Amino acid sequence: MNYHKEEFKRWEVKHMAVVGSVVGTKLSLQFKDGDKTVSKTYSNLKTSAKDQDIFNAAGTIASLSERPVEMVKKIVETELEDI
């Protein structure tokens, strides 16, 4: 859905109930590279993937890198729709 700013304001007042549907999941690894941080993101994970499985996959990927991992993130993309 594409809304212009004014349309969205009117729409926001009229619609109060919203439902979210997960449409994508990503894994992001942040590596320490000297004095900076480098991020790598892996898309198209199964939306049903469990946090532990994603963390285990991150560990496997990290074990192949020469850089130490600073942070592991699970990114969930959600589409919001009014009902």
N, C-alpha and C. Protein backbone atom coordinates (compact mmCIF):
# COMPACT_ATOMS: atom_id res chain seq x y z
N MET A 1 0.83 -1.17 0.00
CA MET A 1 0.00 0.00 0.00
C MET A 1 0.87 1.24 0.00
N ASN A 2 0.58 2.16 -0.85
CA ASN A 2 1.28 3.43 -0.88
C ASN A 2 0.32 4.54 -0.46
N TYR A 3 0.71 5.30 0.53
CA TYR A 3 -0.11 6.39 1.03
C TYR A 3 0.69 7.68 0.99
N HIS A 4 0.04 8.75 0.61
CA HIS A 4 0.64 10.07 0.73
C HIS A 4 0.48 10.50 2.18
N LYS A 5 1.28 11.45 2.60
CA LYS A 5 1.30 11.87 3.99
C LYS A 5 -0.09 12.24 4.52
N GLU A 6 -0.83 13.05 3.78
CA GLU A 6 -2.16 13.47 4.23
C GLU A 6 -3.15 12.29 4.25
N GLU A 7 -3.07 11.41 3.25
CA GLU A 7 -3.94 10.24 3.23
C GLU A 7 -3.66 9.36 4.43
N PHE A 8 -2.39 9.23 4.79
CA PHE A 8 -2.03 8.37 5.91
C PHE A 8 -2.58 8.94 7.21
N LYS A 9 -2.53 10.26 7.37
CA LYS A 9 -3.07 10.87 8.59
C LYS A 9 -4.56 10.59 8.71
N ARG A 10 -5.31 10.73 7.62
CA ARG A 10 -6.75 10.44 7.66
C ARG A 10 -6.98 8.96 7.92
N TRP A 11 -6.20 8.12 7.29
CA TRP A 11 -6.33 6.67 7.44
C TRP A 11 -6.02 6.25 8.86
N GLU A 12 -5.02 6.88 9.46
CA GLU A 12 -4.59 6.54 10.81
C GLU A 12 -5.70 6.79 11.83
N VAL A 13 -6.46 7.84 11.66
CA VAL A 13 -7.54 8.16 12.59
C VAL A 13 -8.69 7.17 12.45
N LYS A 14 -9.01 6.76 11.24
CA LYS A 14 -10.17 5.89 10.99
C LYS A 14 -9.93 4.44 11.40
N HIS A 15 -8.74 3.94 11.24
CA HIS A 15 -8.45 2.52 11.45
C HIS A 15 -7.62 2.32 12.71
N MET A 16 -8.17 1.57 13.63
CA MET A 16 -7.48 1.35 14.89
C MET A 16 -6.92 -0.06 15.02
N ALA A 17 -7.54 -1.06 14.40
CA ALA A 17 -7.09 -2.44 14.54
C ALA A 17 -6.11 -2.79 13.42
N VAL A 18 -4.96 -3.29 13.80
CA VAL A 18 -3.92 -3.64 12.84
C VAL A 18 -3.43 -5.04 13.17
N VAL A 19 -3.16 -5.81 12.13
CA VAL A 19 -2.59 -7.14 12.32
C VAL A 19 -1.26 -7.21 11.57
N GLY A 20 -0.28 -7.85 12.19
CA GLY A 20 1.04 -7.98 11.58
C GLY A 20 1.26 -9.41 11.10
N SER A 21 1.86 -9.53 9.91
CA SER A 21 2.21 -10.83 9.36
C SER A 21 3.69 -10.84 9.01
N VAL A 22 4.41 -11.83 9.51
CA VAL A 22 5.84 -11.94 9.22
C VAL A 22 6.01 -12.30 7.76
N VAL A 23 6.80 -11.48 7.05
CA VAL A 23 7.03 -11.72 5.62
C VAL A 23 8.49 -12.02 5.30
N GLY A 24 9.36 -11.88 6.28
CA GLY A 24 10.77 -12.17 6.03
C GLY A 24 11.57 -12.20 7.30
N THR A 25 12.63 -13.00 7.29
CA THR A 25 13.54 -13.08 8.42
C THR A 25 14.97 -13.07 7.89
N LYS A 26 15.83 -12.32 8.58
CA LYS A 26 17.24 -12.21 8.17
C LYS A 26 18.13 -12.44 9.39
N LEU A 27 19.36 -12.83 9.11
CA LEU A 27 20.40 -12.97 10.11
C LEU A 27 21.46 -11.94 9.81
N SER A 28 21.82 -11.15 10.81
CA SER A 28 22.87 -10.15 10.64
C SER A 28 23.98 -10.43 11.64
N LEU A 29 25.20 -10.49 11.14
CA LEU A 29 26.38 -10.67 11.98
C LEU A 29 27.21 -9.41 11.91
N GLN A 30 27.64 -8.91 13.06
CA GLN A 30 28.53 -7.76 13.11
C GLN A 30 29.89 -8.25 13.57
N PHE A 31 30.89 -8.01 12.73
CA PHE A 31 32.26 -8.45 12.99
C PHE A 31 33.12 -7.26 13.38
N LYS A 32 34.07 -7.48 14.26
CA LYS A 32 35.05 -6.46 14.61
C LYS A 32 36.18 -6.53 13.60
N ASP A 33 36.49 -5.40 12.97
CA ASP A 33 37.57 -5.33 11.99
C ASP A 33 38.46 -4.16 12.37
N GLY A 34 39.43 -4.42 13.23
CA GLY A 34 40.27 -3.34 13.72
C GLY A 34 39.47 -2.43 14.63
N ASP A 35 39.38 -1.15 14.26
CA ASP A 35 38.62 -0.19 15.06
C ASP A 35 37.23 0.08 14.49
N LYS A 36 36.82 -0.71 13.51
CA LYS A 36 35.49 -0.52 12.92
C LYS A 36 34.69 -1.83 12.98
N THR A 37 33.41 -1.71 12.68
CA THR A 37 32.51 -2.86 12.66
C THR A 37 32.04 -3.10 11.24
N VAL A 38 32.03 -4.36 10.83
CA VAL A 38 31.57 -4.75 9.50
C VAL A 38 30.37 -5.67 9.67
N SER A 39 29.30 -5.41 8.93
CA SER A 39 28.09 -6.23 9.03
C SER A 39 27.91 -7.09 7.79
N LYS A 40 27.42 -8.28 8.00
CA LYS A 40 27.02 -9.18 6.93
C LYS A 40 25.61 -9.64 7.23
N THR A 41 24.74 -9.56 6.23
CA THR A 41 23.34 -9.95 6.42
C THR A 41 23.00 -11.09 5.48
N TYR A 42 22.33 -12.07 6.02
CA TYR A 42 21.89 -13.25 5.27
C TYR A 42 20.37 -13.25 5.24
N SER A 43 19.81 -13.16 4.04
CA SER A 43 18.36 -13.05 3.86
C SER A 43 17.72 -14.40 3.56
N ASN A 44 16.41 -14.37 3.47
CA ASN A 44 15.60 -15.52 3.07
C ASN A 44 15.67 -16.68 4.04
N LEU A 45 15.79 -16.38 5.34
CA LEU A 45 15.68 -17.43 6.33
C LEU A 45 14.23 -17.86 6.42
N LYS A 46 13.99 -19.08 6.81
CA LYS A 46 12.62 -19.53 7.02
C LYS A 46 12.00 -18.69 8.12
N THR A 47 10.78 -18.21 7.89
CA THR A 47 10.12 -17.41 8.92
C THR A 47 9.80 -18.25 10.15
N SER A 48 9.78 -19.56 9.98
CA SER A 48 9.50 -20.46 11.11
C SER A 48 10.77 -20.88 11.85
N ALA A 49 11.94 -20.40 11.41
CA ALA A 49 13.21 -20.79 12.04
C ALA A 49 13.23 -20.36 13.51
N LYS A 50 13.65 -21.24 14.36
CA LYS A 50 13.72 -20.96 15.78
C LYS A 50 14.98 -20.14 16.09
N ASP A 51 14.90 -19.32 17.13
CA ASP A 51 16.03 -18.47 17.51
C ASP A 51 17.30 -19.29 17.74
N GLN A 52 17.18 -20.43 18.39
CA GLN A 52 18.35 -21.26 18.68
C GLN A 52 19.00 -21.75 17.39
N ASP A 53 18.17 -22.13 16.40
CA ASP A 53 18.70 -22.59 15.12
C ASP A 53 19.42 -21.47 14.39
N ILE A 54 18.87 -20.27 14.45
CA ILE A 54 19.51 -19.12 13.81
C ILE A 54 20.83 -18.80 14.51
N PHE A 55 20.83 -18.87 15.83
CA PHE A 55 22.05 -18.61 16.59
C PHE A 55 23.12 -19.66 16.28
N ASN A 56 22.70 -20.91 16.17
CA ASN A 56 23.65 -21.98 15.82
C ASN A 56 24.24 -21.77 14.44
N ALA A 57 23.40 -21.34 13.48
CA ALA A 57 23.89 -21.06 12.13
C ALA A 57 24.89 -19.90 12.17
N ALA A 58 24.60 -18.89 12.98
CA ALA A 58 25.51 -17.76 13.13
C ALA A 58 26.86 -18.22 13.67
N GLY A 59 26.83 -19.15 14.61
CA GLY A 59 28.07 -19.69 15.16
C GLY A 59 28.88 -20.43 14.12
N THR A 60 28.19 -21.18 13.27
CA THR A 60 28.88 -21.90 12.20
C THR A 60 29.52 -20.94 11.22
N ILE A 61 28.78 -19.91 10.83
CA ILE A 61 29.32 -18.90 9.91
C ILE A 61 30.50 -18.19 10.57
N ALA A 62 30.35 -17.82 11.84
CA ALA A 62 31.41 -17.10 12.56
C ALA A 62 32.68 -17.93 12.65
N SER A 63 32.53 -19.24 12.77
CA SER A 63 33.71 -20.10 12.89
C SER A 63 34.55 -20.11 11.61
N LEU A 64 33.97 -19.69 10.50
CA LEU A 64 34.69 -19.64 9.23
C LEU A 64 35.36 -18.29 8.98
N SER A 65 35.09 -17.33 9.86
CA SER A 65 35.62 -15.98 9.68
C SER A 65 36.89 -15.79 10.51
N GLU A 66 37.77 -14.94 9.99
CA GLU A 66 38.97 -14.57 10.72
C GLU A 66 38.69 -13.45 11.71
N ARG A 67 37.57 -12.76 11.54
CA ARG A 67 37.20 -11.64 12.41
C ARG A 67 36.32 -12.13 13.56
N PRO A 68 36.47 -11.56 14.75
CA PRO A 68 35.59 -11.94 15.86
C PRO A 68 34.20 -11.31 15.69
N VAL A 69 33.19 -12.06 16.10
CA VAL A 69 31.80 -11.57 16.03
C VAL A 69 31.51 -10.72 17.25
N GLU A 70 30.95 -9.53 17.02
CA GLU A 70 30.54 -8.64 18.11
C GLU A 70 29.08 -8.84 18.48
N MET A 71 28.24 -9.09 17.46
CA MET A 71 26.81 -9.17 17.72
C MET A 71 26.12 -10.05 16.67
N VAL A 72 25.11 -10.76 17.13
CA VAL A 72 24.26 -11.57 16.25
C VAL A 72 22.85 -11.00 16.37
N LYS A 73 22.23 -10.69 15.21
CA LYS A 73 20.88 -10.13 15.21
C LYS A 73 19.96 -10.97 14.34
N LYS A 74 18.74 -11.13 14.80
CA LYS A 74 17.67 -11.71 13.99
C LYS A 74 16.77 -10.52 13.61
N ILE A 75 16.58 -10.33 12.32
CA ILE A 75 15.76 -9.22 11.83
C ILE A 75 14.47 -9.80 11.26
N VAL A 76 13.35 -9.38 11.81
CA VAL A 76 12.04 -9.87 11.38
C VAL A 76 11.32 -8.74 10.65
N GLU A 77 10.92 -8.99 9.41
CA GLU A 77 10.16 -8.02 8.63
C GLU A 77 8.69 -8.38 8.74
N THR A 78 7.89 -7.39 9.13
CA THR A 78 6.47 -7.61 9.35
C THR A 78 5.65 -6.65 8.48
N GLU A 79 4.67 -7.20 7.79
CA GLU A 79 3.73 -6.38 7.02
C GLU A 79 2.55 -6.08 7.91
N LEU A 80 2.19 -4.81 8.00
CA LEU A 80 1.06 -4.39 8.82
C LEU A 80 -0.14 -4.08 7.93
N GLU A 81 -1.30 -4.61 8.33
CA GLU A 81 -2.54 -4.39 7.57
C GLU A 81 -3.65 -4.05 8.54
N ASP A 82 -4.55 -3.17 8.09
CA ASP A 82 -5.71 -2.87 8.92
C ASP A 82 -6.76 -3.97 8.74
N ILE A 83 -7.50 -4.20 9.80
CA ILE A 83 -8.57 -5.21 9.73
C ILE A 83 -9.90 -4.59 10.05
